[in-house]
Amino acid sequence: MTARTGRSAAKGDVAHTQPAHRSRTSDRSRTSGLPEAAERQQVADRITVALIPDVSEDLQRLQDWTKLSKTDITNRAITLYEFIEAQLRAGNDILIRDKKTRETQSVVIL
């Protein structure tokens, strides 16, 4: 998936996802009888990741806060990281602004 920017109702940049490439099933004749879009949605990369204890705790905290699955959180994290990386490669800064103090900090990813 790739991220692209848009404008939210609040006039801020938002990240949207879209397929990065066509699935292999769309290049072959379809035999399942499913529409092409449905076939693409069934294709999934599966990975196994060993998390260090601190990150495992972070993941559990995110699940508690958001009520999302580990898969959903991981997909969002990868999409967000790709968006941030694309912005940095384009020469943009990533900034965080405190709503109360209006203090702005630059985010640096090493």
N, C-alpha and C. Protein backbone atom coordinates (compact mmCIF):
# COMPACT_ATOMS: atom_id res chain seq x y z
N MET A 1 0.84 -1.17 0.00
CA MET A 1 0.00 0.00 0.00
C MET A 1 0.89 1.24 0.00
N THR A 2 0.41 2.25 -0.60
CA THR A 2 1.13 3.51 -0.56
C THR A 2 0.24 4.56 0.06
N ALA A 3 0.85 5.59 0.59
CA ALA A 3 0.08 6.67 1.21
C ALA A 3 0.12 7.89 0.31
N ARG A 4 -0.96 8.65 0.34
CA ARG A 4 -0.99 9.91 -0.38
C ARG A 4 -1.66 10.91 0.54
N THR A 5 -1.38 12.16 0.31
CA THR A 5 -1.97 13.17 1.17
C THR A 5 -3.24 13.71 0.55
N GLY A 6 -4.08 14.19 1.39
CA GLY A 6 -5.32 14.84 0.98
C GLY A 6 -5.63 15.90 2.00
N ARG A 7 -6.82 16.42 1.96
CA ARG A 7 -7.22 17.43 2.93
C ARG A 7 -8.39 16.89 3.72
N SER A 8 -8.33 16.99 5.03
CA SER A 8 -9.44 16.55 5.87
C SER A 8 -10.47 17.66 5.97
N ALA A 9 -11.58 17.37 6.60
CA ALA A 9 -12.62 18.37 6.80
C ALA A 9 -12.09 19.53 7.63
N ALA A 10 -11.09 19.24 8.48
CA ALA A 10 -10.49 20.28 9.32
C ALA A 10 -9.37 21.00 8.59
N LYS A 11 -9.23 20.79 7.29
CA LYS A 11 -8.23 21.43 6.44
C LYS A 11 -6.79 21.01 6.76
N GLY A 12 -6.60 19.83 7.36
CA GLY A 12 -5.27 19.33 7.64
C GLY A 12 -4.91 18.23 6.67
N ASP A 13 -3.63 17.94 6.53
CA ASP A 13 -3.20 16.84 5.68
C ASP A 13 -3.61 15.52 6.32
N VAL A 14 -4.04 14.59 5.51
CA VAL A 14 -4.39 13.27 5.99
C VAL A 14 -3.74 12.25 5.07
N ALA A 15 -3.52 11.05 5.57
CA ALA A 15 -2.94 9.98 4.77
C ALA A 15 -4.05 9.03 4.34
N HIS A 16 -4.03 8.64 3.07
CA HIS A 16 -4.96 7.67 2.52
C HIS A 16 -4.14 6.51 1.98
N THR A 17 -4.73 5.34 1.94
CA THR A 17 -4.00 4.20 1.39
C THR A 17 -4.63 3.76 0.09
N GLN A 18 -3.79 3.17 -0.74
CA GLN A 18 -4.26 2.59 -1.99
C GLN A 18 -3.31 1.47 -2.36
N PRO A 19 -3.77 0.50 -3.14
CA PRO A 19 -2.88 -0.59 -3.52
C PRO A 19 -1.65 -0.07 -4.25
N ALA A 20 -0.48 -0.62 -3.90
CA ALA A 20 0.76 -0.18 -4.53
C ALA A 20 0.91 -0.77 -5.93
N HIS A 21 0.32 -1.92 -6.17
CA HIS A 21 0.43 -2.55 -7.48
C HIS A 21 -0.75 -3.49 -7.67
N ARG A 22 -0.96 -3.90 -8.91
CA ARG A 22 -2.03 -4.83 -9.21
C ARG A 22 -1.65 -6.21 -8.71
N SER A 23 -2.63 -6.95 -8.27
CA SER A 23 -2.36 -8.30 -7.82
C SER A 23 -2.08 -9.20 -9.02
N ARG A 24 -1.44 -10.30 -8.75
CA ARG A 24 -1.11 -11.24 -9.81
C ARG A 24 -2.38 -11.82 -10.42
N THR A 25 -3.45 -11.93 -9.62
CA THR A 25 -4.67 -12.54 -10.14
C THR A 25 -5.31 -11.68 -11.21
N SER A 26 -5.07 -10.36 -11.18
CA SER A 26 -5.69 -9.51 -12.19
C SER A 26 -5.02 -9.66 -13.55
N ASP A 27 -3.80 -10.22 -13.56
CA ASP A 27 -3.09 -10.40 -14.82
C ASP A 27 -3.41 -11.74 -15.48
N ARG A 28 -4.03 -12.64 -14.73
CA ARG A 28 -4.39 -13.95 -15.27
C ARG A 28 -5.88 -14.00 -15.48
N SER A 29 -6.30 -14.98 -16.23
CA SER A 29 -7.76 -15.14 -16.37
C SER A 29 -8.32 -15.56 -15.02
N ARG A 30 -9.46 -14.99 -14.67
CA ARG A 30 -10.05 -15.27 -13.37
C ARG A 30 -10.86 -16.56 -13.48
N THR A 31 -10.63 -17.44 -12.50
CA THR A 31 -11.36 -18.69 -12.50
C THR A 31 -12.26 -18.81 -11.28
N SER A 32 -12.16 -17.88 -10.33
CA SER A 32 -12.95 -18.00 -9.11
C SER A 32 -14.37 -17.52 -9.28
N GLY A 33 -14.64 -16.75 -10.34
CA GLY A 33 -15.96 -16.20 -10.52
C GLY A 33 -16.19 -14.92 -9.73
N LEU A 34 -15.21 -14.52 -8.93
CA LEU A 34 -15.32 -13.29 -8.15
C LEU A 34 -14.92 -12.09 -8.99
N PRO A 35 -15.50 -10.93 -8.73
CA PRO A 35 -15.03 -9.72 -9.41
C PRO A 35 -13.55 -9.50 -9.13
N GLU A 36 -12.87 -8.83 -10.05
CA GLU A 36 -11.43 -8.59 -9.93
C GLU A 36 -11.08 -7.92 -8.60
N ALA A 37 -11.86 -6.92 -8.16
CA ALA A 37 -11.58 -6.22 -6.90
C ALA A 37 -11.65 -7.18 -5.72
N ALA A 38 -12.59 -8.10 -5.72
CA ALA A 38 -12.72 -9.06 -4.63
C ALA A 38 -11.52 -9.99 -4.60
N GLU A 39 -11.03 -10.40 -5.77
CA GLU A 39 -9.85 -11.25 -5.81
C GLU A 39 -8.63 -10.54 -5.24
N ARG A 40 -8.47 -9.25 -5.56
CA ARG A 40 -7.34 -8.49 -5.04
C ARG A 40 -7.39 -8.39 -3.53
N GLN A 41 -8.57 -8.24 -2.95
CA GLN A 41 -8.70 -8.10 -1.51
C GLN A 41 -8.35 -9.38 -0.78
N GLN A 42 -8.44 -10.52 -1.43
CA GLN A 42 -8.13 -11.79 -0.79
C GLN A 42 -6.63 -12.04 -0.71
N VAL A 43 -5.83 -11.35 -1.48
CA VAL A 43 -4.39 -11.54 -1.48
C VAL A 43 -3.80 -10.82 -0.28
N ALA A 44 -2.99 -11.53 0.52
CA ALA A 44 -2.39 -10.92 1.70
C ALA A 44 -0.99 -11.44 1.90
N ASP A 45 -0.07 -10.54 2.27
CA ASP A 45 1.26 -10.95 2.69
C ASP A 45 1.17 -11.32 4.16
N ARG A 46 1.73 -12.43 4.53
CA ARG A 46 1.77 -12.82 5.93
C ARG A 46 3.22 -12.78 6.38
N ILE A 47 3.43 -12.18 7.55
CA ILE A 47 4.78 -12.10 8.10
C ILE A 47 4.75 -12.52 9.56
N THR A 48 5.88 -12.96 10.06
CA THR A 48 6.05 -13.25 11.47
C THR A 48 7.11 -12.30 11.98
N VAL A 49 6.81 -11.60 13.05
CA VAL A 49 7.72 -10.60 13.59
C VAL A 49 7.96 -10.87 15.06
N ALA A 50 9.22 -10.88 15.46
CA ALA A 50 9.58 -11.01 16.87
C ALA A 50 9.70 -9.59 17.45
N LEU A 51 8.84 -9.28 18.40
CA LEU A 51 8.85 -7.95 19.02
C LEU A 51 9.67 -7.97 20.30
N ILE A 52 10.44 -6.92 20.49
CA ILE A 52 11.15 -6.78 21.77
C ILE A 52 10.11 -6.46 22.84
N PRO A 53 10.39 -6.75 24.12
CA PRO A 53 9.39 -6.58 25.17
C PRO A 53 8.74 -5.19 25.22
N ASP A 54 9.52 -4.12 25.09
CA ASP A 54 8.95 -2.77 25.15
C ASP A 54 7.95 -2.53 24.02
N VAL A 55 8.27 -2.99 22.83
CA VAL A 55 7.38 -2.80 21.69
C VAL A 55 6.13 -3.67 21.84
N SER A 56 6.28 -4.85 22.39
CA SER A 56 5.14 -5.71 22.64
C SER A 56 4.17 -5.03 23.62
N GLU A 57 4.71 -4.38 24.63
CA GLU A 57 3.88 -3.63 25.59
C GLU A 57 3.20 -2.45 24.89
N ASP A 58 3.94 -1.77 24.01
CA ASP A 58 3.36 -0.66 23.25
C ASP A 58 2.20 -1.15 22.38
N LEU A 59 2.39 -2.29 21.74
CA LEU A 59 1.34 -2.86 20.89
C LEU A 59 0.09 -3.18 21.72
N GLN A 60 0.30 -3.78 22.89
CA GLN A 60 -0.84 -4.10 23.76
C GLN A 60 -1.55 -2.83 24.21
N ARG A 61 -0.78 -1.79 24.54
CA ARG A 61 -1.37 -0.51 24.95
C ARG A 61 -2.20 0.08 23.80
N LEU A 62 -1.67 0.02 22.58
CA LEU A 62 -2.42 0.51 21.42
C LEU A 62 -3.71 -0.28 21.21
N GLN A 63 -3.65 -1.59 21.40
CA GLN A 63 -4.86 -2.40 21.28
C GLN A 63 -5.89 -1.99 22.33
N ASP A 64 -5.43 -1.76 23.56
CA ASP A 64 -6.34 -1.35 24.63
C ASP A 64 -6.98 0.00 24.31
N TRP A 65 -6.19 0.94 23.81
CA TRP A 65 -6.68 2.28 23.51
C TRP A 65 -7.63 2.29 22.32
N THR A 66 -7.26 1.59 21.26
CA THR A 66 -7.99 1.70 19.99
C THR A 66 -9.00 0.60 19.75
N LYS A 67 -8.87 -0.52 20.45
CA LYS A 67 -9.71 -1.71 20.24
C LYS A 67 -9.51 -2.31 18.84
N LEU A 68 -8.38 -1.99 18.22
CA LEU A 68 -8.05 -2.56 16.91
C LEU A 68 -7.26 -3.85 17.09
N SER A 69 -7.24 -4.67 16.05
CA SER A 69 -6.46 -5.91 16.08
C SER A 69 -4.98 -5.60 15.86
N LYS A 70 -4.14 -6.56 16.18
CA LYS A 70 -2.70 -6.41 15.93
C LYS A 70 -2.45 -6.22 14.43
N THR A 71 -3.21 -6.91 13.61
CA THR A 71 -3.07 -6.76 12.16
C THR A 71 -3.41 -5.34 11.72
N ASP A 72 -4.53 -4.80 12.22
CA ASP A 72 -4.92 -3.44 11.85
C ASP A 72 -3.88 -2.42 12.31
N ILE A 73 -3.39 -2.58 13.53
CA ILE A 73 -2.39 -1.64 14.05
C ILE A 73 -1.11 -1.73 13.23
N THR A 74 -0.69 -2.94 12.89
CA THR A 74 0.52 -3.12 12.09
C THR A 74 0.35 -2.52 10.70
N ASN A 75 -0.78 -2.75 10.06
CA ASN A 75 -1.03 -2.17 8.73
C ASN A 75 -1.01 -0.64 8.80
N ARG A 76 -1.64 -0.07 9.81
CA ARG A 76 -1.64 1.39 9.96
C ARG A 76 -0.23 1.92 10.22
N ALA A 77 0.53 1.21 11.04
CA ALA A 77 1.89 1.65 11.36
C ALA A 77 2.76 1.64 10.10
N ILE A 78 2.66 0.62 9.29
CA ILE A 78 3.46 0.55 8.07
C ILE A 78 3.04 1.64 7.10
N THR A 79 1.74 1.85 6.95
CA THR A 79 1.25 2.90 6.06
C THR A 79 1.70 4.28 6.54
N LEU A 80 1.64 4.51 7.85
CA LEU A 80 2.09 5.79 8.41
C LEU A 80 3.59 5.97 8.19
N TYR A 81 4.37 4.92 8.43
CA TYR A 81 5.82 5.02 8.23
C TYR A 81 6.15 5.31 6.77
N GLU A 82 5.45 4.66 5.83
CA GLU A 82 5.69 4.91 4.41
C GLU A 82 5.36 6.36 4.07
N PHE A 83 4.27 6.88 4.61
CA PHE A 83 3.88 8.27 4.38
C PHE A 83 4.96 9.23 4.92
N ILE A 84 5.41 8.98 6.13
CA ILE A 84 6.44 9.84 6.73
C ILE A 84 7.73 9.77 5.93
N GLU A 85 8.15 8.58 5.55
CA GLU A 85 9.37 8.41 4.76
C GLU A 85 9.26 9.14 3.42
N ALA A 86 8.10 9.05 2.77
CA ALA A 86 7.90 9.75 1.50
C ALA A 86 8.00 11.26 1.69
N GLN A 87 7.44 11.77 2.77
CA GLN A 87 7.50 13.21 3.04
C GLN A 87 8.94 13.65 3.29
N LEU A 88 9.68 12.88 4.07
CA LEU A 88 11.07 13.22 4.36
C LEU A 88 11.92 13.17 3.08
N ARG A 89 11.69 12.16 2.24
CA ARG A 89 12.44 12.05 0.98
C ARG A 89 12.12 13.20 0.04
N ALA A 90 10.93 13.76 0.17
CA ALA A 90 10.53 14.91 -0.66
C ALA A 90 11.07 16.22 -0.09
N GLY A 91 11.80 16.14 1.01
CA GLY A 91 12.39 17.34 1.60
C GLY A 91 11.50 18.05 2.60
N ASN A 92 10.41 17.44 2.99
CA ASN A 92 9.50 18.05 3.95
C ASN A 92 9.90 17.72 5.38
N ASP A 93 9.46 18.55 6.32
CA ASP A 93 9.67 18.31 7.74
C ASP A 93 8.41 17.67 8.32
N ILE A 94 8.59 16.89 9.37
CA ILE A 94 7.47 16.34 10.13
C ILE A 94 7.44 17.11 11.44
N LEU A 95 6.33 17.79 11.71
CA LEU A 95 6.23 18.65 12.87
C LEU A 95 5.08 18.21 13.77
N ILE A 96 5.28 18.39 15.08
CA ILE A 96 4.24 18.13 16.08
C ILE A 96 3.99 19.45 16.80
N ARG A 97 2.71 19.84 16.87
CA ARG A 97 2.39 21.10 17.54
C ARG A 97 1.49 20.82 18.73
N ASP A 98 1.86 21.32 19.89
CA ASP A 98 1.06 21.20 21.10
C ASP A 98 -0.11 22.17 20.99
N LYS A 99 -1.33 21.67 21.07
CA LYS A 99 -2.50 22.52 20.90
C LYS A 99 -2.64 23.56 22.01
N LYS A 100 -2.19 23.21 23.22
CA LYS A 100 -2.33 24.13 24.34
C LYS A 100 -1.29 25.23 24.31
N THR A 101 -0.01 24.85 24.18
CA THR A 101 1.07 25.83 24.26
C THR A 101 1.44 26.41 22.90
N ARG A 102 0.96 25.77 21.82
CA ARG A 102 1.29 26.16 20.44
C ARG A 102 2.77 25.92 20.13
N GLU A 103 3.48 25.23 21.01
CA GLU A 103 4.90 24.90 20.78
C GLU A 103 4.98 23.87 19.65
N THR A 104 5.92 24.08 18.73
CA THR A 104 6.13 23.17 17.60
C THR A 104 7.48 22.52 17.74
N GLN A 105 7.50 21.19 17.55
CA GLN A 105 8.73 20.43 17.58
C GLN A 105 8.90 19.67 16.28
N SER A 106 10.14 19.57 15.84
CA SER A 106 10.44 18.80 14.63
C SER A 106 10.68 17.35 15.01
N VAL A 107 10.10 16.44 14.25
CA VAL A 107 10.27 15.01 14.50
C VAL A 107 11.47 14.53 13.66
N VAL A 108 12.42 13.90 14.33
CA VAL A 108 13.59 13.37 13.64
C VAL A 108 13.58 11.85 13.80
N ILE A 109 13.60 11.14 12.69
CA ILE A 109 13.64 9.68 12.71
C ILE A 109 15.02 9.25 12.26
N LEU A 110 15.70 8.55 13.12
CA LEU A 110 17.08 8.11 12.81
C LEU A 110 17.10 6.77 12.16
